[in-house]
Amino acid sequence: MESYVFPGNIDERISSIGAADIPYMRTDEFSAINLESSGILLDLIHCKGGRTIIYTGSGTGAMTAIVENYVSTKKKALAINGGSFGQRWVDLCRYYGIPVVDFKVEFTHEPDYERLAATVADEKPDVLLCQHHETSSGVLYDLERISGICRENGTSLVADVISS
C-alpha cells in the first residue's frame, strides 16, 4: 500500500506564490490558466477529447456542488467512506436527502475491491462517490479498479482528486 500524507514541507518558492496577486476570474489571463489546466488534467487522466469543470472554490464547495447539482438527479448513491472526506460524501448526501449506501473502509486501508464490486452489483447505485487519495488517511485508492466496477454495473463515477 502506498501512503501519501499532506500537507508536508512546502518549498519556499512554492509558498511565496501564495503571497502574489492572483489573476481575477474575468480576465483573459485567468481564462488562459483554466484552459491550460484543463488540458493538463485531461492529459493526466488520459482522456483526450474529454471535458473538465474547473471549480474555483474549496474542496467541500466542489463536493457540495456535485451533490446538489448532479447526485441529486439520481435515485441512489454509494460513497466509499475510508476517512473524513469519504464521510463528507455520506454527510452531504444525507443532508440533501439523497439515499446513500455508506460503504465503510477501515481507516488507513484500501477498499476491499471484491466486496465493493459485490455491493455495487447488489445495491445498484446510480452514482459512486469516492476520493482518489483519501487525504485524512493517506491512502491512494485504485481508480482503475473502481471505474471498472462502475463500468460493469452502469454506475456513474464521481472521484474527488483534489489531493492527488
Protein backbone atom coordinates (compact mmCIF):
# COMPACT_ATOMS: atom_id res chain seq x y z
CA MET A 1 0.00 0.00 0.00
CA GLU A 2 1.26 3.43 -0.87
CA SER A 3 0.59 6.23 1.60
CA TYR A 4 0.76 9.93 0.82
CA VAL A 5 0.12 12.27 3.71
CA PHE A 6 -0.14 16.01 3.14
CA PRO A 7 0.49 18.81 3.95
CA GLY A 8 4.23 18.38 4.23
CA ASN A 9 7.10 20.81 3.99
CA ILE A 10 6.47 23.21 1.14
CA ASP A 11 9.37 24.69 -0.82
CA GLU A 12 9.73 28.46 -0.19
CA ARG A 13 9.46 29.21 -3.93
CA ILE A 14 6.09 27.48 -3.95
CA SER A 15 4.78 29.09 -0.75
CA SER A 16 5.84 32.55 -2.00
CA ILE A 17 3.39 32.15 -4.87
CA GLY A 18 0.61 32.45 -2.28
CA ALA A 19 1.76 35.98 -1.47
CA ALA A 20 1.46 37.13 -5.10
CA ASP A 21 -1.67 38.63 -6.64
CA ILE A 22 -3.89 36.10 -8.31
CA PRO A 23 -5.46 36.67 -11.72
CA TYR A 24 -9.02 37.96 -11.48
CA MET A 25 -11.56 35.38 -12.69
CA ARG A 26 -12.95 37.53 -15.52
CA THR A 27 -9.63 38.26 -17.21
CA ASP A 28 -8.07 36.70 -20.30
CA GLU A 29 -5.14 35.61 -18.12
CA PHE A 30 -7.44 33.65 -15.80
CA SER A 31 -9.22 32.05 -18.76
CA ALA A 32 -5.87 31.02 -20.26
CA ILE A 33 -4.78 29.45 -16.97
CA ASN A 34 -8.04 27.48 -16.75
CA LEU A 35 -7.75 26.30 -20.36
CA GLU A 36 -4.15 25.18 -19.80
CA SER A 37 -5.09 23.47 -16.51
CA SER A 38 -7.95 21.65 -18.21
CA GLY A 39 -5.58 20.31 -20.86
CA ILE A 40 -3.09 19.18 -18.22
CA LEU A 41 -5.84 17.38 -16.27
CA LEU A 42 -7.15 15.62 -19.36
CA ASP A 43 -3.61 14.51 -20.25
CA LEU A 44 -3.09 13.29 -16.68
CA ILE A 45 -6.17 11.07 -16.78
CA HIS A 46 -5.62 10.04 -20.42
CA CYS A 47 -8.92 11.50 -21.56
CA LYS A 48 -8.26 13.15 -24.90
CA GLY A 49 -11.34 14.97 -26.12
CA GLY A 50 -12.88 14.95 -22.63
CA ARG A 51 -14.09 17.94 -20.66
CA THR A 52 -13.32 19.23 -17.21
CA ILE A 53 -15.11 21.59 -14.89
CA ILE A 54 -12.67 23.79 -13.00
CA TYR A 55 -14.28 24.77 -9.71
CA THR A 56 -12.71 27.84 -8.14
CA GLY A 57 -13.72 27.21 -4.54
CA SER A 58 -12.95 24.92 -1.64
CA GLY A 59 -12.96 21.14 -1.94
CA THR A 60 -16.08 20.95 0.21
CA GLY A 61 -17.69 23.58 -2.02
CA ALA A 62 -16.98 21.42 -5.06
CA MET A 63 -18.31 18.29 -3.33
CA THR A 64 -21.45 20.17 -2.30
CA ALA A 65 -21.96 21.46 -5.86
CA ILE A 66 -21.66 17.90 -7.22
CA VAL A 67 -24.16 16.53 -4.70
CA GLU A 68 -26.62 19.42 -5.16
CA ASN A 69 -26.48 19.55 -8.95
CA TYR A 70 -25.65 16.03 -10.13
CA VAL A 71 -26.11 13.41 -7.43
CA SER A 72 -29.50 14.90 -6.51
CA THR A 73 -30.74 13.94 -10.00
CA LYS A 74 -30.05 10.28 -9.22
CA LYS A 75 -32.07 7.81 -7.16
CA LYS A 76 -29.25 6.30 -5.12
CA ALA A 77 -25.58 6.91 -4.34
CA LEU A 78 -22.84 4.78 -2.87
CA ALA A 79 -19.96 6.52 -1.09
CA ILE A 80 -16.63 4.87 -0.30
CA ASN A 81 -16.05 6.00 3.28
CA GLY A 82 -12.48 5.42 4.40
CA GLY A 83 -11.83 8.69 6.18
CA SER A 84 -13.09 12.20 6.82
CA PHE A 85 -13.56 13.04 3.13
CA GLY A 86 -15.41 9.82 2.35
CA GLN A 87 -17.59 10.60 5.37
CA ARG A 88 -18.17 14.07 3.90
CA TRP A 89 -19.77 12.47 0.78
CA VAL A 90 -22.09 10.48 3.06
CA ASP A 91 -22.98 13.54 5.16
CA LEU A 92 -23.68 15.70 2.10
CA CYS A 93 -25.95 13.08 0.57
CA ARG A 94 -27.86 12.71 3.82
CA TYR A 95 -28.13 16.48 4.21
CA TYR A 96 -29.70 16.77 0.76
CA GLY A 97 -31.98 13.77 1.32
CA ILE A 98 -30.27 11.52 -1.22
CA PRO A 99 -30.36 7.79 -0.42
CA VAL A 100 -26.75 6.74 0.09
CA VAL A 101 -25.03 3.44 0.81
CA ASP A 102 -22.23 4.14 3.29
CA PHE A 103 -19.50 1.73 2.11
CA LYS A 104 -17.20 1.75 5.13
CA VAL A 105 -13.49 1.10 4.70
CA GLU A 106 -11.12 0.59 7.61
CA PHE A 107 -9.11 3.77 8.24
CA THR A 108 -5.68 3.67 6.52
CA HIS A 109 -6.76 0.75 4.30
CA GLU A 110 -7.83 0.44 0.69
CA PRO A 111 -11.35 -0.74 -0.01
CA ASP A 112 -11.91 -4.46 -0.36
CA TYR A 113 -12.50 -4.21 -4.12
CA GLU A 114 -14.27 -7.59 -4.34
CA ARG A 115 -16.68 -6.57 -1.57
CA LEU A 116 -17.13 -3.21 -3.33
CA ALA A 117 -17.96 -4.95 -6.63
CA ALA A 118 -20.48 -7.21 -4.88
CA THR A 119 -22.05 -4.26 -3.05
CA VAL A 120 -22.38 -2.20 -6.24
CA ALA A 121 -23.91 -5.20 -8.07
CA ASP A 122 -26.34 -5.80 -5.19
CA GLU A 123 -27.27 -2.19 -4.31
CA LYS A 124 -27.33 -0.88 -7.92
CA PRO A 125 -26.43 2.75 -7.12
CA ASP A 126 -26.76 5.30 -9.90
CA VAL A 127 -23.56 7.04 -8.83
CA LEU A 128 -20.48 6.04 -6.84
CA LEU A 129 -18.67 8.78 -4.89
CA CYS A 130 -15.07 8.37 -3.78
CA GLN A 131 -11.73 10.02 -3.22
CA HIS A 132 -8.73 9.11 -5.31
CA HIS A 133 -6.49 10.00 -2.39
CA GLU A 134 -8.23 9.90 1.00
CA THR A 135 -6.19 12.76 2.45
CA SER A 136 -7.18 12.09 6.06
CA SER A 137 -5.64 8.60 5.97
CA GLY A 138 -3.06 8.99 3.21
CA VAL A 139 -4.47 6.07 1.20
CA LEU A 140 -4.47 6.17 -2.58
CA TYR A 141 -7.46 4.25 -3.97
CA ASP A 142 -7.21 2.28 -7.22
CA LEU A 143 -9.43 4.34 -9.53
CA GLU A 144 -8.83 1.95 -12.41
CA ARG A 145 -10.41 -0.89 -10.44
CA ILE A 146 -13.20 1.33 -9.11
CA SER A 147 -14.01 2.65 -12.59
CA GLY A 148 -14.07 -0.93 -13.91
CA ILE A 149 -16.62 -1.87 -11.25
CA CYS A 150 -18.71 1.16 -12.22
CA ARG A 151 -18.48 0.36 -15.94
CA GLU A 152 -19.58 -3.25 -15.34
CA ASN A 153 -22.65 -2.05 -13.44
CA GLY A 154 -23.63 1.04 -15.44
CA THR A 155 -22.84 3.23 -12.42
CA SER A 156 -21.63 6.79 -12.82
CA LEU A 157 -18.35 7.55 -11.03
CA VAL A 158 -17.51 10.83 -9.31
CA ALA A 159 -13.96 10.95 -7.94
CA ASP A 160 -12.58 13.73 -5.76
CA VAL A 161 -8.99 14.12 -6.99
CA ILE A 162 -8.11 17.31 -5.13
CA SER A 163 -5.10 16.00 -3.23
CA SER A 164 -3.89 13.67 -5.96
